[in-house]
All heavy atoms as atom14 arrays in JSON, in Angstrom:
{
  "sequence": "PRRVYIAGLSAGGAAAAVMAATYPDLYAAVGVHSGLPCG",
  "atom14_mask": [
    [1, 1, 1, 1, 1, 1, 1, 0, 0, 0, 0, 0, 0, 0],
    [1, 1, 1, 1, 1, 1, 1, 1, 1, 1, 1, 0, 0, 0],
    [1, 1, 1, 1, 1, 1, 1, 1, 1, 1, 1, 0, 0, 0],
    [1, 1, 1, 1, 1, 1, 1, 0, 0, 0, 0, 0, 0, 0],
    [1, 1, 1, 1, 1, 1, 1, 1, 1, 1, 1, 1, 0, 0],
    [1, 1, 1, 1, 1, 1, 1, 1, 0, 0, 0, 0, 0, 0],
    [1, 1, 1, 1, 1, 0, 0, 0, 0, 0, 0, 0, 0, 0],
    [1, 1, 1, 1, 0, 0, 0, 0, 0, 0, 0, 0, 0, 0],
    [1, 1, 1, 1, 1, 1, 1, 1, 0, 0, 0, 0, 0, 0],
    [1, 1, 1, 1, 1, 1, 0, 0, 0, 0, 0, 0, 0, 0],
    [1, 1, 1, 1, 1, 0, 0, 0, 0, 0, 0, 0, 0, 0],
    [1, 1, 1, 1, 0, 0, 0, 0, 0, 0, 0, 0, 0, 0],
    [1, 1, 1, 1, 0, 0, 0, 0, 0, 0, 0, 0, 0, 0],
    [1, 1, 1, 1, 1, 0, 0, 0, 0, 0, 0, 0, 0, 0],
    [1, 1, 1, 1, 1, 0, 0, 0, 0, 0, 0, 0, 0, 0],
    [1, 1, 1, 1, 1, 0, 0, 0, 0, 0, 0, 0, 0, 0],
    [1, 1, 1, 1, 1, 0, 0, 0, 0, 0, 0, 0, 0, 0],
    [1, 1, 1, 1, 1, 1, 1, 0, 0, 0, 0, 0, 0, 0],
    [1, 1, 1, 1, 1, 1, 1, 1, 0, 0, 0, 0, 0, 0],
    [1, 1, 1, 1, 1, 0, 0, 0, 0, 0, 0, 0, 0, 0],
    [1, 1, 1, 1, 1, 0, 0, 0, 0, 0, 0, 0, 0, 0],
    [1, 1, 1, 1, 1, 1, 1, 0, 0, 0, 0, 0, 0, 0],
    [1, 1, 1, 1, 1, 1, 1, 1, 1, 1, 1, 1, 0, 0],
    [1, 1, 1, 1, 1, 1, 1, 0, 0, 0, 0, 0, 0, 0],
    [1, 1, 1, 1, 1, 1, 1, 1, 0, 0, 0, 0, 0, 0],
    [1, 1, 1, 1, 1, 1, 1, 1, 0, 0, 0, 0, 0, 0],
    [1, 1, 1, 1, 1, 1, 1, 1, 1, 1, 1, 1, 0, 0],
    [1, 1, 1, 1, 1, 0, 0, 0, 0, 0, 0, 0, 0, 0],
    [1, 1, 1, 1, 1, 0, 0, 0, 0, 0, 0, 0, 0, 0],
    [1, 1, 1, 1, 1, 1, 1, 0, 0, 0, 0, 0, 0, 0],
    [1, 1, 1, 1, 0, 0, 0, 0, 0, 0, 0, 0, 0, 0],
    [1, 1, 1, 1, 1, 1, 1, 0, 0, 0, 0, 0, 0, 0],
    [1, 1, 1, 1, 1, 1, 1, 1, 1, 1, 0, 0, 0, 0],
    [1, 1, 1, 1, 1, 1, 0, 0, 0, 0, 0, 0, 0, 0],
    [1, 1, 1, 1, 0, 0, 0, 0, 0, 0, 0, 0, 0, 0],
    [1, 1, 1, 1, 1, 1, 1, 1, 0, 0, 0, 0, 0, 0],
    [1, 1, 1, 1, 1, 1, 1, 0, 0, 0, 0, 0, 0, 0],
    [1, 1, 1, 1, 1, 1, 0, 0, 0, 0, 0, 0, 0, 0],
    [1, 1, 1, 1, 0, 0, 0, 0, 0, 0, 0, 0, 0, 0]
  ],
  "atom14_positions": [
    [[0.78, -1.22, -0.01], [-0.03, 0.02, -0.05], [0.81, 1.28, 0.04], [0.25, 2.36, -0.26], [-0.76, -0.15, 1.26], [-0.08, -1.05, 2.14], [0.66, -1.96, 1.23], [0.0, 0.0, 0.0], [0.0, 0.0, 0.0], [0.0, 0.0, 0.0], [0.0, 0.0, 0.0], [0.0, 0.0, 0.0], [0.0, 0.0, 0.0], [0.0, 0.0, 0.0]],
    [[2.12, 1.12, 0.28], [2.98, 2.37, 0.27], [3.52, 2.61, -1.09], [4.12, 3.69, -1.39], [4.2, 2.1, 1.22], [3.82, 1.79, 2.71], [5.08, 1.4, 3.39], [5.65, 0.23, 2.83], [6.85, -0.35, 3.13], [7.54, 0.24, 4.11], [7.23, -1.43, 2.66], [0.0, 0.0, 0.0], [0.0, 0.0, 0.0], [0.0, 0.0, 0.0]],
    [[3.24, 1.65, -2.09], [3.68, 1.91, -3.44], [2.59, 1.77, -4.39], [2.6, 0.86, -5.31], [4.85, 0.84, -3.71], [6.08, 1.09, -2.88], [7.2, 0.19, -3.44], [6.96, -1.25, -3.13], [7.62, -2.24, -3.63], [8.65, -1.97, -4.45], [7.29, -3.54, -3.29], [0.0, 0.0, 0.0], [0.0, 0.0, 0.0], [0.0, 0.0, 0.0]],
    [[1.65, 2.58, -4.26], [0.45, 2.6, -5.14], [0.52, 3.95, -5.93], [0.55, 5.07, -5.32], [-0.88, 2.46, -4.37], [-2.12, 2.68, -5.37], [-0.88, 1.14, -3.69], [0.0, 0.0, 0.0], [0.0, 0.0, 0.0], [0.0, 0.0, 0.0], [0.0, 0.0, 0.0], [0.0, 0.0, 0.0], [0.0, 0.0, 0.0], [0.0, 0.0, 0.0]],
    [[0.39, 3.96, -7.24], [0.58, 5.09, -8.1], [-0.63, 5.18, -9.06], [-1.32, 4.25, -9.33], [1.9, 5.02, -8.81], [3.06, 4.67, -7.91], [3.51, 3.28, -7.98], [3.65, 5.52, -7.01], [4.6, 2.87, -7.18], [4.71, 5.08, -6.2], [5.16, 3.73, -6.28], [6.18, 3.31, -5.46], [0.0, 0.0, 0.0], [0.0, 0.0, 0.0]],
    [[-0.76, 6.36, -9.67], [-1.8, 6.64, -10.68], [-1.27, 7.49, -11.75], [-0.46, 8.47, -11.53], [-3.06, 7.22, -9.93], [-4.29, 7.15, -10.95], [-2.89, 8.5, -9.44], [-5.61, 7.27, -10.2], [0.0, 0.0, 0.0], [0.0, 0.0, 0.0], [0.0, 0.0, 0.0], [0.0, 0.0, 0.0], [0.0, 0.0, 0.0], [0.0, 0.0, 0.0]],
    [[-1.74, 7.27, -12.96], [-1.32, 8.04, -14.16], [-2.4, 7.99, -15.15], [-3.34, 7.18, -15.13], [-0.01, 7.49, -14.7], [0.0, 0.0, 0.0], [0.0, 0.0, 0.0], [0.0, 0.0, 0.0], [0.0, 0.0, 0.0], [0.0, 0.0, 0.0], [0.0, 0.0, 0.0], [0.0, 0.0, 0.0], [0.0, 0.0, 0.0], [0.0, 0.0, 0.0]],
    [[-2.39, 8.93, -16.03], [-3.46, 9.0, -17.12], [-2.98, 9.92, -18.28], [-2.12, 10.72, -18.12], [0.0, 0.0, 0.0], [0.0, 0.0, 0.0], [0.0, 0.0, 0.0], [0.0, 0.0, 0.0], [0.0, 0.0, 0.0], [0.0, 0.0, 0.0], [0.0, 0.0, 0.0], [0.0, 0.0, 0.0], [0.0, 0.0, 0.0], [0.0, 0.0, 0.0]],
    [[-3.77, 9.81, -19.33], [-3.64, 10.58, -20.58], [-4.86, 11.45, -20.85], [-5.93, 10.99, -20.73], [-3.36, 9.69, -21.77], [-3.38, 10.35, -23.17], [-2.19, 11.24, -23.35], [-3.37, 9.28, -24.21], [0.0, 0.0, 0.0], [0.0, 0.0, 0.0], [0.0, 0.0, 0.0], [0.0, 0.0, 0.0], [0.0, 0.0, 0.0], [0.0, 0.0, 0.0]],
    [[-4.56, 12.71, -21.16], [-5.68, 13.63, -21.52], [-6.71, 13.72, -20.44], [-6.51, 14.15, -19.35], [-6.2, 13.2, -22.85], [-6.97, 14.17, -23.54], [0.0, 0.0, 0.0], [0.0, 0.0, 0.0], [0.0, 0.0, 0.0], [0.0, 0.0, 0.0], [0.0, 0.0, 0.0], [0.0, 0.0, 0.0], [0.0, 0.0, 0.0], [0.0, 0.0, 0.0]],
    [[-7.96, 13.27, -20.76], [-9.02, 13.25, -19.72], [-8.63, 12.42, -18.61], [-8.98, 12.62, -17.42], [-10.4, 12.75, -20.38], [0.0, 0.0, 0.0], [0.0, 0.0, 0.0], [0.0, 0.0, 0.0], [0.0, 0.0, 0.0], [0.0, 0.0, 0.0], [0.0, 0.0, 0.0], [0.0, 0.0, 0.0], [0.0, 0.0, 0.0], [0.0, 0.0, 0.0]],
    [[-7.95, 11.27, -18.87], [-7.46, 10.41, -17.83], [-6.3, 11.08, -17.06], [-6.2, 10.83, -15.81], [0.0, 0.0, 0.0], [0.0, 0.0, 0.0], [0.0, 0.0, 0.0], [0.0, 0.0, 0.0], [0.0, 0.0, 0.0], [0.0, 0.0, 0.0], [0.0, 0.0, 0.0], [0.0, 0.0, 0.0], [0.0, 0.0, 0.0], [0.0, 0.0, 0.0]],
    [[-5.5, 11.93, -17.68], [-4.54, 12.68, -16.93], [-5.13, 13.69, -16.0], [-4.72, 13.87, -14.85], [0.0, 0.0, 0.0], [0.0, 0.0, 0.0], [0.0, 0.0, 0.0], [0.0, 0.0, 0.0], [0.0, 0.0, 0.0], [0.0, 0.0, 0.0], [0.0, 0.0, 0.0], [0.0, 0.0, 0.0], [0.0, 0.0, 0.0], [0.0, 0.0, 0.0]],
    [[-6.25, 14.38, -16.49], [-6.92, 15.3, -15.64], [-7.61, 14.54, -14.51], [-7.54, 15.06, -13.26], [-8.01, 16.02, -16.46], [0.0, 0.0, 0.0], [0.0, 0.0, 0.0], [0.0, 0.0, 0.0], [0.0, 0.0, 0.0], [0.0, 0.0, 0.0], [0.0, 0.0, 0.0], [0.0, 0.0, 0.0], [0.0, 0.0, 0.0], [0.0, 0.0, 0.0]],
    [[-8.11, 13.35, -14.75], [-8.71, 12.58, -13.64], [-7.68, 12.12, -12.7], [-7.88, 11.98, -11.48], [-9.46, 11.33, -14.18], [0.0, 0.0, 0.0], [0.0, 0.0, 0.0], [0.0, 0.0, 0.0], [0.0, 0.0, 0.0], [0.0, 0.0, 0.0], [0.0, 0.0, 0.0], [0.0, 0.0, 0.0], [0.0, 0.0, 0.0], [0.0, 0.0, 0.0]],
    [[-6.46, 11.78, -13.1], [-5.36, 11.38, -12.23], [-5.01, 12.53, -11.28], [-4.66, 12.41, -10.15], [-4.13, 10.88, -13.05], [0.0, 0.0, 0.0], [0.0, 0.0, 0.0], [0.0, 0.0, 0.0], [0.0, 0.0, 0.0], [0.0, 0.0, 0.0], [0.0, 0.0, 0.0], [0.0, 0.0, 0.0], [0.0, 0.0, 0.0], [0.0, 0.0, 0.0]],
    [[-4.96, 13.77, -11.93], [-4.75, 14.89, -11.02], [-5.82, 15.16, -9.97], [-5.5, 15.48, -8.85], [-4.6, 16.19, -11.95], [0.0, 0.0, 0.0], [0.0, 0.0, 0.0], [0.0, 0.0, 0.0], [0.0, 0.0, 0.0], [0.0, 0.0, 0.0], [0.0, 0.0, 0.0], [0.0, 0.0, 0.0], [0.0, 0.0, 0.0], [0.0, 0.0, 0.0]],
    [[-7.11, 14.83, -10.33], [-8.14, 14.89, -9.33], [-7.94, 13.9, -8.18], [-8.03, 14.15, -7.02], [-9.48, 14.62, -10.02], [-10.51, 14.46, -9.0], [-9.81, 15.82, -10.97], [0.0, 0.0, 0.0], [0.0, 0.0, 0.0], [0.0, 0.0, 0.0], [0.0, 0.0, 0.0], [0.0, 0.0, 0.0], [0.0, 0.0, 0.0], [0.0, 0.0, 0.0]],
    [[-7.45, 12.67, -8.62], [-7.25, 11.63, -7.64], [-6.12, 11.96, -6.7], [-6.17, 11.67, -5.47], [-6.94, 10.28, -8.36], [-8.1, 9.76, -9.23], [-9.65, 9.59, -8.33], [-9.18, 8.37, -7.12], [0.0, 0.0, 0.0], [0.0, 0.0, 0.0], [0.0, 0.0, 0.0], [0.0, 0.0, 0.0], [0.0, 0.0, 0.0], [0.0, 0.0, 0.0]],
    [[-5.05, 12.59, -7.27], [-3.94, 13.01, -6.34], [-4.38, 14.12, -5.34], [-3.94, 14.1, -4.22], [-2.78, 13.57, -7.21], [0.0, 0.0, 0.0], [0.0, 0.0, 0.0], [0.0, 0.0, 0.0], [0.0, 0.0, 0.0], [0.0, 0.0, 0.0], [0.0, 0.0, 0.0], [0.0, 0.0, 0.0], [0.0, 0.0, 0.0], [0.0, 0.0, 0.0]],
    [[-5.28, 14.99, -5.79], [-5.84, 16.08, -4.9], [-6.76, 15.51, -3.91], [-6.8, 16.07, -2.79], [-6.44, 17.15, -5.81], [0.0, 0.0, 0.0], [0.0, 0.0, 0.0], [0.0, 0.0, 0.0], [0.0, 0.0, 0.0], [0.0, 0.0, 0.0], [0.0, 0.0, 0.0], [0.0, 0.0, 0.0], [0.0, 0.0, 0.0], [0.0, 0.0, 0.0]],
    [[-7.59, 14.54, -4.28], [-8.58, 14.05, -3.36], [-8.27, 12.88, -2.49], [-8.82, 12.65, -1.45], [-9.89, 13.73, -4.12], [-9.61, 12.82, -5.18], [-10.47, 14.98, -4.75], [0.0, 0.0, 0.0], [0.0, 0.0, 0.0], [0.0, 0.0, 0.0], [0.0, 0.0, 0.0], [0.0, 0.0, 0.0], [0.0, 0.0, 0.0], [0.0, 0.0, 0.0]],
    [[-7.25, 12.12, -3.02], [-6.78, 10.88, -2.2], [-5.31, 10.92, -2.12], [-4.52, 9.95, -2.46], [-7.24, 9.68, -2.91], [-8.76, 9.46, -2.89], [-9.6, 9.92, -3.9], [-9.33, 8.75, -1.78], [-10.98, 9.78, -3.78], [-10.73, 8.53, -1.72], [-11.53, 9.06, -2.75], [-12.86, 8.89, -2.69], [0.0, 0.0, 0.0], [0.0, 0.0, 0.0]],
    [[-4.75, 11.91, -1.43], [-3.23, 11.93, -1.25], [-2.74, 10.83, -0.34], [-1.54, 10.56, -0.29], [-2.96, 13.31, -0.69], [-4.29, 13.68, -0.05], [-5.33, 13.14, -0.85], [0.0, 0.0, 0.0], [0.0, 0.0, 0.0], [0.0, 0.0, 0.0], [0.0, 0.0, 0.0], [0.0, 0.0, 0.0], [0.0, 0.0, 0.0], [0.0, 0.0, 0.0]],
    [[-3.6, 10.3, 0.46], [-3.26, 9.23, 1.36], [-3.23, 7.83, 0.7], [-2.74, 6.86, 1.27], [-4.29, 9.17, 2.56], [-5.76, 9.09, 2.07], [-6.04, 9.68, 0.98], [-6.54, 8.44, 2.73], [0.0, 0.0, 0.0], [0.0, 0.0, 0.0], [0.0, 0.0, 0.0], [0.0, 0.0, 0.0], [0.0, 0.0, 0.0], [0.0, 0.0, 0.0]],
    [[-3.81, 7.78, -0.52], [-3.93, 6.51, -1.19], [-2.75, 6.32, -2.18], [-2.34, 5.19, -2.41], [-5.24, 6.35, -1.89], [-5.63, 5.05, -2.57], [-5.55, 3.84, -1.61], [-7.02, 5.14, -3.15], [0.0, 0.0, 0.0], [0.0, 0.0, 0.0], [0.0, 0.0, 0.0], [0.0, 0.0, 0.0], [0.0, 0.0, 0.0], [0.0, 0.0, 0.0]],
    [[-2.46, 7.38, -2.95], [-1.45, 7.35, -4.0], [-0.17, 8.07, -3.6], [-0.18, 9.16, -3.19], [-2.04, 8.0, -5.3], [-3.38, 7.35, -5.72], [-4.59, 7.92, -5.43], [-3.34, 6.12, -6.33], [-5.7, 7.31, -5.77], [-4.52, 5.51, -6.72], [-5.76, 6.14, -6.51], [-6.8, 5.45, -6.77], [0.0, 0.0, 0.0], [0.0, 0.0, 0.0]],
    [[0.93, 7.29, -3.77], [2.24, 7.79, -3.41], [2.87, 8.7, -4.44], [3.71, 9.48, -4.15], [3.19, 6.6, -3.24], [0.0, 0.0, 0.0], [0.0, 0.0, 0.0], [0.0, 0.0, 0.0], [0.0, 0.0, 0.0], [0.0, 0.0, 0.0], [0.0, 0.0, 0.0], [0.0, 0.0, 0.0], [0.0, 0.0, 0.0], [0.0, 0.0, 0.0]],
    [[2.34, 8.68, -5.69], [2.81, 9.62, -6.7], [1.83, 9.55, -7.87], [1.03, 8.59, -7.99], [4.24, 9.23, -7.15], [0.0, 0.0, 0.0], [0.0, 0.0, 0.0], [0.0, 0.0, 0.0], [0.0, 0.0, 0.0], [0.0, 0.0, 0.0], [0.0, 0.0, 0.0], [0.0, 0.0, 0.0], [0.0, 0.0, 0.0], [0.0, 0.0, 0.0]],
    [[1.92, 10.55, -8.78], [0.9, 10.63, -9.89], [1.68, 11.09, -11.15], [2.64, 11.84, -11.07], [-0.2, 11.69, -9.56], [0.35, 13.04, -9.28], [-1.22, 11.8, -10.65], [0.0, 0.0, 0.0], [0.0, 0.0, 0.0], [0.0, 0.0, 0.0], [0.0, 0.0, 0.0], [0.0, 0.0, 0.0], [0.0, 0.0, 0.0], [0.0, 0.0, 0.0]],
    [[1.21, 10.5, -12.26], [1.77, 10.93, -13.54], [0.65, 11.56, -14.37], [-0.39, 10.89, -14.58], [0.0, 0.0, 0.0], [0.0, 0.0, 0.0], [0.0, 0.0, 0.0], [0.0, 0.0, 0.0], [0.0, 0.0, 0.0], [0.0, 0.0, 0.0], [0.0, 0.0, 0.0], [0.0, 0.0, 0.0], [0.0, 0.0, 0.0], [0.0, 0.0, 0.0]],
    [[0.85, 12.67, -14.96], [-0.19, 13.39, -15.78], [0.4, 13.64, -17.14], [1.37, 14.4, -17.26], [-0.59, 14.78, -15.11], [-1.72, 15.31, -16.01], [-1.16, 14.5, -13.67], [0.0, 0.0, 0.0], [0.0, 0.0, 0.0], [0.0, 0.0, 0.0], [0.0, 0.0, 0.0], [0.0, 0.0, 0.0], [0.0, 0.0, 0.0], [0.0, 0.0, 0.0]],
    [[-0.19, 13.02, -18.16], [0.25, 13.18, -19.53], [-0.79, 13.93, -20.33], [-1.87, 13.44, -20.42], [0.57, 11.83, -20.17], [1.48, 11.83, -21.33], [1.28, 12.74, -22.43], [2.52, 11.14, -21.66], [2.21, 12.6, -23.37], [3.01, 11.6, -22.92], [0.0, 0.0, 0.0], [0.0, 0.0, 0.0], [0.0, 0.0, 0.0], [0.0, 0.0, 0.0]],
    [[-0.39, 15.14, -20.85], [-1.27, 15.8, -21.67], [-2.71, 16.17, -21.06], [-3.7, 16.13, -21.68], [-1.56, 15.18, -23.04], [-0.36, 14.8, -23.67], [0.0, 0.0, 0.0], [0.0, 0.0, 0.0], [0.0, 0.0, 0.0], [0.0, 0.0, 0.0], [0.0, 0.0, 0.0], [0.0, 0.0, 0.0], [0.0, 0.0, 0.0], [0.0, 0.0, 0.0]],
    [[-2.61, 16.42, -19.7], [-3.84, 16.66, -18.94], [-4.02, 18.01, -18.37], [-3.35, 18.96, -18.97], [0.0, 0.0, 0.0], [0.0, 0.0, 0.0], [0.0, 0.0, 0.0], [0.0, 0.0, 0.0], [0.0, 0.0, 0.0], [0.0, 0.0, 0.0], [0.0, 0.0, 0.0], [0.0, 0.0, 0.0], [0.0, 0.0, 0.0], [0.0, 0.0, 0.0]],
    [[-4.84, 18.2, -17.44], [-5.17, 19.46, -16.93], [-5.17, 19.34, -15.32], [-5.37, 18.24, -14.71], [-6.58, 19.94, -17.32], [-6.76, 20.13, -18.74], [-7.39, 18.9, -19.43], [-7.58, 21.41, -19.1], [0.0, 0.0, 0.0], [0.0, 0.0, 0.0], [0.0, 0.0, 0.0], [0.0, 0.0, 0.0], [0.0, 0.0, 0.0], [0.0, 0.0, 0.0]],
    [[-5.03, 20.49, -14.64], [-4.98, 20.39, -13.11], [-6.35, 20.21, -12.54], [-7.37, 20.45, -13.24], [-4.44, 21.73, -12.66], [-4.81, 22.64, -13.82], [-4.76, 21.84, -15.12], [0.0, 0.0, 0.0], [0.0, 0.0, 0.0], [0.0, 0.0, 0.0], [0.0, 0.0, 0.0], [0.0, 0.0, 0.0], [0.0, 0.0, 0.0], [0.0, 0.0, 0.0]],
    [[-6.45, 19.71, -11.35], [-7.69, 19.53, -10.66], [-8.38, 20.89, -10.46], [-7.65, 21.88, -10.09], [-7.4, 18.87, -9.28], [-8.97, 18.69, -8.25], [0.0, 0.0, 0.0], [0.0, 0.0, 0.0], [0.0, 0.0, 0.0], [0.0, 0.0, 0.0], [0.0, 0.0, 0.0], [0.0, 0.0, 0.0], [0.0, 0.0, 0.0], [0.0, 0.0, 0.0]],
    [[-9.61, 21.0, -10.68], [-10.3, 22.25, -10.56], [-10.22, 23.19, -11.73], [-10.6, 24.41, -11.46], [0.0, 0.0, 0.0], [0.0, 0.0, 0.0], [0.0, 0.0, 0.0], [0.0, 0.0, 0.0], [0.0, 0.0, 0.0], [0.0, 0.0, 0.0], [0.0, 0.0, 0.0], [0.0, 0.0, 0.0], [0.0, 0.0, 0.0], [0.0, 0.0, 0.0]]
  ]
}
């Protein structure tokens, strides 16, 4: 559970940014490719 990561492309990248912002206790790092920031 200490090595759980999330990444995405475009809309998936934007969703990955949302997940990092809303679940920082669940994901140890995030990768955003061609996406947008949360909010």
